[in-house]
PDB file of N, CA and C in Angstrom:
ATOM      1  N   ARG A   1     105.529 124.303 117.773  1.00  0.00           N
ATOM      2  CA  ARG A   1     106.847 123.840 117.375  1.00  0.00           C
ATOM      3  C   ARG A   1     107.226 122.645 118.218  1.00  0.00           C
ATOM      4  N   HIS A   2     108.084 121.812 117.652  1.00  0.00           N
ATOM      5  CA  HIS A   2     108.526 120.623 118.365  1.00  0.00           C
ATOM      6  C   HIS A   2     109.950 120.277 117.959  1.00  0.00           C
ATOM      7  N   PRO A   3     110.585 119.375 118.703  1.00  0.00           N
ATOM      8  CA  PRO A   3     112.019 119.137 118.524  1.00  0.00           C
ATOM      9  C   PRO A   3     112.421 118.252 117.343  1.00  0.00           C
ATOM     10  N   HIS A   4     111.478 117.719 116.601  1.00  0.00           N
ATOM     11  CA  HIS A   4     111.850 116.833 115.493  1.00  0.00           C
ATOM     12  C   HIS A   4     112.210 117.674 114.271  1.00  0.00           C
ATOM     13  N   PRO A   5     113.457 117.627 113.816  1.00  0.00           N
ATOM     14  CA  PRO A   5     113.928 118.569 112.789  1.00  0.00           C
ATOM     15  C   PRO A   5     113.304 118.480 111.392  1.00  0.00           C
ATOM     16  N   PRO A   6     113.103 117.314 110.792  1.00  0.00           N
ATOM     17  CA  PRO A   6     112.663 117.326 109.389  1.00  0.00           C
ATOM     18  C   PRO A   6     111.145 117.390 109.205  1.00  0.00           C
ATOM     19  N   VAL A   7     110.519 118.448 109.689  1.00  0.00           N
ATOM     20  CA  VAL A   7     109.077 118.615 109.506  1.00  0.00           C
ATOM     21  C   VAL A   7     108.831 119.176 108.113  1.00  0.00           C
ATOM     22  N   GLN A   8     107.998 118.477 107.347  1.00  0.00           N
ATOM     23  CA  GLN A   8     107.676 118.929 105.997  1.00  0.00           C
ATOM     24  C   GLN A   8     106.340 119.674 105.999  1.00  0.00           C
ATOM     25  N   PRO A   9     106.134 120.519 105.004  1.00  0.00           N
ATOM     26  CA  PRO A   9     104.875 121.276 104.932  1.00  0.00           C
ATOM     27  C   PRO A   9     103.665 120.347 104.820  1.00  0.00           C
ATOM     28  N   PRO A  10     102.597 120.623 105.559  1.00  0.00           N
ATOM     29  CA  PRO A  10     101.405 119.776 105.498  1.00  0.00           C
ATOM     30  C   PRO A  10     100.838 119.630 104.094  1.00  0.00           C
ATOM     31  N   THR A  11     100.879 120.678 103.305  1.00  0.00           N
ATOM     32  CA  THR A  11     100.330 120.585 101.950  1.00  0.00           C
ATOM     33  C   THR A  11     101.125 119.602 101.098  1.00  0.00           C
ATOM     34  N   LEU A  12     102.423 119.524 101.299  1.00  0.00           N
ATOM     35  CA  LEU A  12     103.249 118.565 100.563  1.00  0.00           C
ATOM     36  C   LEU A  12     102.875 117.145 100.943  1.00  0.00           C
ATOM     37  N   LYS A  13     102.729 116.860 102.226  1.00  0.00           N
ATOM     38  CA  LYS A  13     102.384 115.511 102.670  1.00  0.00           C
ATOM     39  C   LYS A  13     100.993 115.107 102.199  1.00  0.00           C
ATOM     40  N   ARG A  14     100.060 116.040 102.214  1.00  0.00           N
ATOM     41  CA  ARG A  14      98.709 115.735 101.709  1.00  0.00           C
ATOM     42  C   ARG A  14      98.772 115.389 100.232  1.00  0.00           C
ATOM     43  N   TYR A  15      99.515 116.172  99.468  1.00  0.00           N
ATOM     44  CA  TYR A  15      99.659 115.924  98.034  1.00  0.00           C
ATOM     45  C   TYR A  15     100.296 114.553  97.777  1.00  0.00           C
ATOM     46  N   LEU A  16     101.366 114.249  98.490  1.00  0.00           N
ATOM     47  CA  LEU A  16     102.054 112.976  98.282  1.00  0.00           C
ATOM     48  C   LEU A  16     101.162 111.786  98.636  1.00  0.00           C
ATOM     49  N   CYS A  17     100.370 111.915  99.691  1.00  0.00           N
ATOM     50  CA  CYS A  17      99.440 110.836 100.039  1.00  0.00           C
ATOM     51  C   CYS A  17      98.410 110.625  98.933  1.00  0.00           C
ATOM     52  N   ARG A  18      97.868 111.710  98.399  1.00  0.00           N
ATOM     53  CA  ARG A  18      96.901 111.593  97.290  1.00  0.00           C
ATOM     54  C   ARG A  18      97.550 111.003  96.056  1.00  0.00           C
ATOM     55  N   LEU A  19      98.805 111.358  95.817  1.00  0.00           N
ATOM     56  CA  LEU A  19      99.525 110.924  94.625  1.00  0.00           C
ATOM     57  C   LEU A  19      99.732 109.412  94.595  1.00  0.00           C
ATOM     58  N   VAL A  20     100.030 108.809  95.737  1.00  0.00           N
ATOM     59  CA  VAL A  20     100.432 107.402  95.746  1.00  0.00           C
ATOM     60  C   VAL A  20      99.436 106.456  96.411  1.00  0.00           C
ATOM     61  N   THR A  21      98.308 106.966  96.885  1.00  0.00           N
ATOM     62  CA  THR A  21      97.360 106.124  97.609  1.00  0.00           C
ATOM     63  C   THR A  21      96.011 106.139  96.915  1.00  0.00           C
ATOM     64  N   THR A  22      95.438 104.948  96.742  1.00  0.00           N
ATOM     65  CA  THR A  22      94.124 104.856  96.124  1.00  0.00           C
ATOM     66  C   THR A  22      93.051 105.346  97.099  1.00  0.00           C
ATOM     67  N   PRO A  23      91.914 105.824  96.601  1.00  0.00           N
ATOM     68  CA  PRO A  23      90.848 106.309  97.485  1.00  0.00           C
ATOM     69  C   PRO A  23      90.477 105.245  98.527  1.00  0.00           C
ATOM     70  N   GLY A  24      90.374 105.677  99.769  1.00  0.00           N
ATOM     71  CA  GLY A  24      90.046 104.767 100.855  1.00  0.00           C
ATOM     72  C   GLY A  24      91.220 103.893 101.282  1.00  0.00           C
ATOM     73  N   GLY A  25      92.391 104.168 100.747  1.00  0.00           N
ATOM     74  CA  GLY A  25      93.560 103.335 100.991  1.00  0.00           C
ATOM     75  C   GLY A  25      94.217 103.551 102.340  1.00  0.00           C
ATOM     76  N   LEU A  26      95.314 102.834 102.499  1.00  0.00           N
ATOM     77  CA  LEU A  26      96.075 102.843 103.737  1.00  0.00           C
ATOM     78  C   LEU A  26      97.467 103.386 103.476  1.00  0.00           C
ATOM     79  N   VAL A  27      97.899 104.324 104.299  1.00  0.00           N
ATOM     80  CA  VAL A  27      99.247 104.887 104.216  1.00  0.00           C
ATOM     81  C   VAL A  27     100.063 104.312 105.365  1.00  0.00           C
ATOM     82  N   LEU A  28     101.213 103.725 105.035  1.00  0.00           N
ATOM     83  CA  LEU A  28     102.125 103.178 106.037  1.00  0.00           C
ATOM     84  C   LEU A  28     103.391 104.005 106.037  1.00  0.00           C
ATOM     85  N   ASP A  29     103.759 104.490 107.217  1.00  0.00           N
ATOM     86  CA  ASP A  29     105.004 105.251 107.365  1.00  0.00           C
ATOM     87  C   ASP A  29     105.867 104.539 108.399  1.00  0.00           C
ATOM     88  N   PRO A  30     106.910 103.805 107.946  1.00  0.00           N
ATOM     89  CA  PRO A  30     107.736 103.044 108.884  1.00  0.00           C
ATOM     90  C   PRO A  30     108.693 103.902 109.701  1.00  0.00           C
ATOM     91  N   CYS A  31     108.808 105.152 109.387  1.00  0.00           N
ATOM     92  CA  CYS A  31     109.655 106.094 110.144  1.00  0.00           C
ATOM     93  C   CYS A  31     108.829 107.353 110.376  1.00  0.00           C
ATOM     94  N   ALA A  32     107.836 107.252 111.237  1.00  0.00           N
ATOM     95  CA  ALA A  32     106.805 108.279 111.353  1.00  0.00           C
ATOM     96  C   ALA A  32     107.282 109.617 111.902  1.00  0.00           C
ATOM     97  N   GLY A  33     108.366 109.615 112.660  1.00  0.00           N
ATOM     98  CA  GLY A  33     108.871 110.879 113.178  1.00  0.00           C
ATOM     99  C   GLY A  33     107.814 111.640 113.951  1.00  0.00           C
ATOM    100  N   SER A  34     107.609 112.896 113.603  1.00  0.00           N
ATOM    101  CA  SER A  34     106.650 113.734 114.324  1.00  0.00           C
ATOM    102  C   SER A  34     105.246 113.684 113.719  1.00  0.00           C
ATOM    103  N   GLY A  35     105.024 112.808 112.745  1.00  0.00           N
ATOM    104  CA  GLY A  35     103.671 112.579 112.246  1.00  0.00           C
ATOM    105  C   GLY A  35     103.225 113.395 111.053  1.00  0.00           C
ATOM    106  N   SER A  36     104.136 113.997 110.318  1.00  0.00           N
ATOM    107  CA  SER A  36     103.736 114.828 109.174  1.00  0.00           C
ATOM    108  C   SER A  36     102.979 114.017 108.120  1.00  0.00           C
ATOM    109  N   THR A  37     103.462 112.822 107.812  1.00  0.00           N
ATOM    110  CA  THR A  37     102.767 111.982 106.825  1.00  0.00           C
ATOM    111  C   THR A  37     101.417 111.544 107.369  1.00  0.00           C
ATOM    112  N   GLY A  38     101.365 111.193 108.640  1.00  0.00           N
ATOM    113  CA  GLY A  38     100.093 110.792 109.251  1.00  0.00           C
ATOM    114  C   GLY A  38      99.064 111.901 109.219  1.00  0.00           C
ATOM    115  N   ARG A  39      99.496 113.105 109.496  1.00  0.00           N
ATOM    116  CA  ARG A  39      98.584 114.255 109.424  1.00  0.00           C
ATOM    117  C   ARG A  39      98.047 114.426 108.007  1.00  0.00           C
ATOM    118  N   GLY A  40      98.936 114.322 107.029  1.00  0.00           N
ATOM    119  CA  GLY A  40      98.505 114.458 105.641  1.00  0.00           C
ATOM    120  C   GLY A  40      97.543 113.357 105.234  1.00  0.00           C
ATOM    121  N   ALA A  41      97.844 112.127 105.637  1.00  0.00           N
ATOM    122  CA  ALA A  41      96.996 110.990 105.291  1.00  0.00           C
ATOM    123  C   ALA A  41      95.604 111.135 105.897  1.00  0.00           C
ATOM    124  N   VAL A  42      95.546 111.427 107.177  1.00  0.00           N
ATOM    125  CA  VAL A  42      94.264 111.566 107.870  1.00  0.00           C
ATOM    126  C   VAL A  42      93.472 112.746 107.311  1.00  0.00           C
ATOM    127  N   ALA A  43      94.150 113.839 107.026  1.00  0.00           N
ATOM    128  CA  ALA A  43      93.476 115.012 106.460  1.00  0.00           C
ATOM    129  C   ALA A  43      92.841 114.704 105.112  1.00  0.00           C
ATOM    130  N   GLU A  44      93.437 113.766 104.377  1.00  0.00           N
ATOM    131  CA  GLU A  44      92.902 113.390 103.059  1.00  0.00           C
ATOM    132  C   GLU A  44      91.916 112.223 103.135  1.00  0.00           C
ATOM    133  N   GLY A  45      91.648 111.735 104.346  1.00  0.00           N
ATOM    134  CA  GLY A  45      90.668 110.670 104.514  1.00  0.00           C
ATOM    135  C   GLY A  45      91.223 109.258 104.373  1.00  0.00           C
ATOM    136  N   PHE A  46      92.530 109.108 104.390  1.00  0.00           N
ATOM    137  CA  PHE A  46      93.141 107.781 104.312  1.00  0.00           C
ATOM    138  C   PHE A  46      93.301 107.201 105.706  1.00  0.00           C
ATOM    139  N   ARG A  47      93.375 105.880 105.768  1.00  0.00           N
ATOM    140  CA  ARG A  47      93.756 105.219 107.010  1.00  0.00           C
ATOM    141  C   ARG A  47      95.271 105.346 107.112  1.00  0.00           C
ATOM    142  N   PHE A  48      95.787 105.279 108.337  1.00  0.00           N
ATOM    143  CA  PHE A  48      97.215 105.503 108.528  1.00  0.00           C
ATOM    144  C   PHE A  48      97.782 104.598 109.602  1.00  0.00           C
ATOM    145  N   ILE A  49      98.947 104.033 109.323  1.00  0.00           N
ATOM    146  CA  ILE A  49      99.728 103.308 110.316  1.00  0.00           C
ATOM    147  C   ILE A  49     101.110 103.939 110.331  1.00  0.00           C
ATOM    148  N   GLY A  50     101.523 104.378 111.508  1.00  0.00           N
ATOM    149  CA  GLY A  50     102.846 104.966 111.656  1.00  0.00           C
ATOM    150  C   GLY A  50     103.668 104.151 112.642  1.00  0.00           C
ATOM    151  N   ILE A  51     104.933 103.965 112.341  1.00  0.00           N
ATOM    152  CA  ILE A  51     105.855 103.246 113.213  1.00  0.00           C
ATOM    153  C   ILE A  51     106.988 104.204 113.562  1.00  0.00           C
ATOM    154  N   GLU A  52     107.266 104.326 114.841  1.00  0.00           N
ATOM    155  CA  GLU A  52     108.335 105.228 115.273  1.00  0.00           C
ATOM    156  C   GLU A  52     109.057 104.621 116.468  1.00  0.00           C
ATOM    157  N   LEU A  53     110.373 104.546 116.390  1.00  0.00           N
ATOM    158  CA  LEU A  53     111.197 103.972 117.442  1.00  0.00           C
ATOM    159  C   LEU A  53     111.253 104.865 118.688  1.00  0.00           C
ATOM    160  N   SER A  54     111.312 106.158 118.493  1.00  0.00           N
ATOM    161  CA  SER A  54     111.430 107.095 119.605  1.00  0.00           C
ATOM    162  C   SER A  54     110.069 107.330 120.267  1.00  0.00           C
ATOM    163  N   GLU A  55     110.002 107.021 121.554  1.00  0.00           N
ATOM    164  CA  GLU A  55     108.759 107.277 122.300  1.00  0.00           C
ATOM    165  C   GLU A  55     108.394 108.759 122.279  1.00  0.00           C
ATOM    166  N   GLU A  56     109.408 109.607 122.384  1.00  0.00           N
ATOM    167  CA  GLU A  56     109.173 111.053 122.389  1.00  0.00           C
ATOM    168  C   GLU A  56     108.528 111.509 121.079  1.00  0.00           C
ATOM    169  N   TYR A  57     109.076 111.097 119.970  1.00  0.00           N
ATOM    170  CA  TYR A  57     108.516 111.497 118.680  1.00  0.00           C
ATOM    171  C   TYR A  57     107.164 110.830 118.426  1.00  0.00           C
ATOM    172  N   ALA A  58     107.013 109.580 118.875  1.00  0.00           N
ATOM    173  CA  ALA A  58     105.730 108.896 118.707  1.00  0.00           C
ATOM    174  C   ALA A  58     104.621 109.654 119.424  1.00  0.00           C
ATOM    175  N   GLU A  59     104.910 110.158 120.608  1.00  0.00           N
ATOM    176  CA  GLU A  59     103.899 110.922 121.348  1.00  0.00           C
ATOM    177  C   GLU A  59     103.587 112.242 120.645  1.00  0.00           C
ATOM    178  N   ILE A  60     104.597 112.880 120.108  1.00  0.00           N
ATOM    179  CA  ILE A  60     104.370 114.107 119.335  1.00  0.00           C
ATOM    180  C   ILE A  60     103.468 113.794 118.141  1.00  0.00           C
ATOM    181  N   ALA A  61     103.767 112.711 117.442  1.00  0.00           N
ATOM    182  CA  ALA A  61     102.962 112.310 116.276  1.00  0.00           C
ATOM    183  C   ALA A  61     101.522 112.028 116.687  1.00  0.00           C
ATOM    184  N   ARG A  62     101.333 111.300 117.783  1.00  0.00           N
ATOM    185  CA  ARG A  62      99.966 111.000 118.254  1.00  0.00           C
ATOM    186  C   ARG A  62      99.171 112.284 118.488  1.00  0.00           C
ATOM    187  N   ARG A  63      99.801 113.229 119.165  1.00  0.00           N
ATOM    188  CA  ARG A  63      99.101 114.497 119.452  1.00  0.00           C
ATOM    189  C   ARG A  63      98.783 115.268 118.174  1.00  0.00           C
ATOM    190  N   ARG A  64      99.737 115.318 117.251  1.00  0.00           N
ATOM    191  CA  ARG A  64      99.521 116.082 116.015  1.00  0.00           C
ATOM    192  C   ARG A  64      98.428 115.443 115.155  1.00  0.00           C
ATOM    193  N   ILE A  65      98.418 114.114 115.072  1.00  0.00           N
ATOM    194  CA  ILE A  65      97.402 113.419 114.275  1.00  0.00           C
ATOM    195  C   ILE A  65      96.041 113.527 114.958  1.00  0.00           C
ATOM    196  N   ALA A  66      96.011 113.409 116.279  1.00  0.00           N
ATOM    197  CA  ALA A  66      94.749 113.549 117.014  1.00  0.00           C
ATOM    198  C   ALA A  66      94.133 114.932 116.796  1.00  0.00           C
ATOM    199  N   ALA A  67      94.963 115.950 116.687  1.00  0.00           N
ATOM    200  CA  ALA A  67      94.455 117.305 116.449  1.00  0.00           C
ATOM    201  C   ALA A  67      93.755 117.392 115.097  1.00  0.00           C
ATOM    202  N   ILE A  68      94.283 116.707 114.096  1.00  0.00           N
ATOM    203  CA  ILE A  68      93.639 116.694 112.773  1.00  0.00           C
ATOM    204  C   ILE A  68      92.305 115.957 112.846  1.00  0.00           C
ATOM    205  N   ILE A  69      92.285 114.822 113.549  1.00  0.00           N
ATOM    206  CA  ILE A  69      91.049 114.054 113.691  1.00  0.00           C
ATOM    207  C   ILE A  69      90.000 114.894 114.422  1.00  0.00           C
ATOM    208  N   LYS A  70      90.416 115.589 115.469  1.00  0.00           N
ATOM    209  CA  LYS A  70      89.500 116.425 116.244  1.00  0.00           C
ATOM    210  C   LYS A  70      88.894 117.542 115.385  1.00  0.00           C
ATOM    211  N   LYS A  71      89.680 118.080 114.454  1.00  0.00           N
ATOM    212  CA  LYS A  71      89.200 119.144 113.567  1.00  0.00           C
ATOM    213  C   LYS A  71      88.238 118.615 112.510  1.00  0.00           C
ATOM    214  N   GLY A  72      88.106 117.308 112.388  1.00  0.00           N
ATOM    215  CA  GLY A  72      87.233 116.747 111.366  1.00  0.00           C
ATOM    216  C   GLY A  72      87.917 116.596 110.040  1.00  0.00           C
ATOM    217  N   ARG A  73      89.231 116.310 110.092  1.00  0.00           N
ATOM    218  CA  ARG A  73      90.026 116.077 108.878  1.00  0.00           C
ATOM    219  C   ARG A  73      90.137 117.301 108.004  1.00  0.00           C
ATOM    220  N   ALA A  74      90.106 118.469 108.596  1.00  0.00           N
ATOM    221  CA  ALA A  74      90.221 119.709 107.815  1.00  0.00           C
ATOM    222  C   ALA A  74      91.672 120.087 107.618  1.00  0.00           C
TER     223      ALA A  74
END
């Protein structure tokens, strides 16, 4: 658990990334928050760029996305 309130279900973010991104595409999230979209994008094999103003949330996002990469995008 983490302090960023609007965490969406991972399956929803994965679905949305597949819905709007072409295979091998790039997902850009200008308000990355805790990294839910980044996790979904990486899990689906997309490249990802996230922008977050809060250093605290950016670090949370980095850790959450790194965990997906470490798992092998599972």
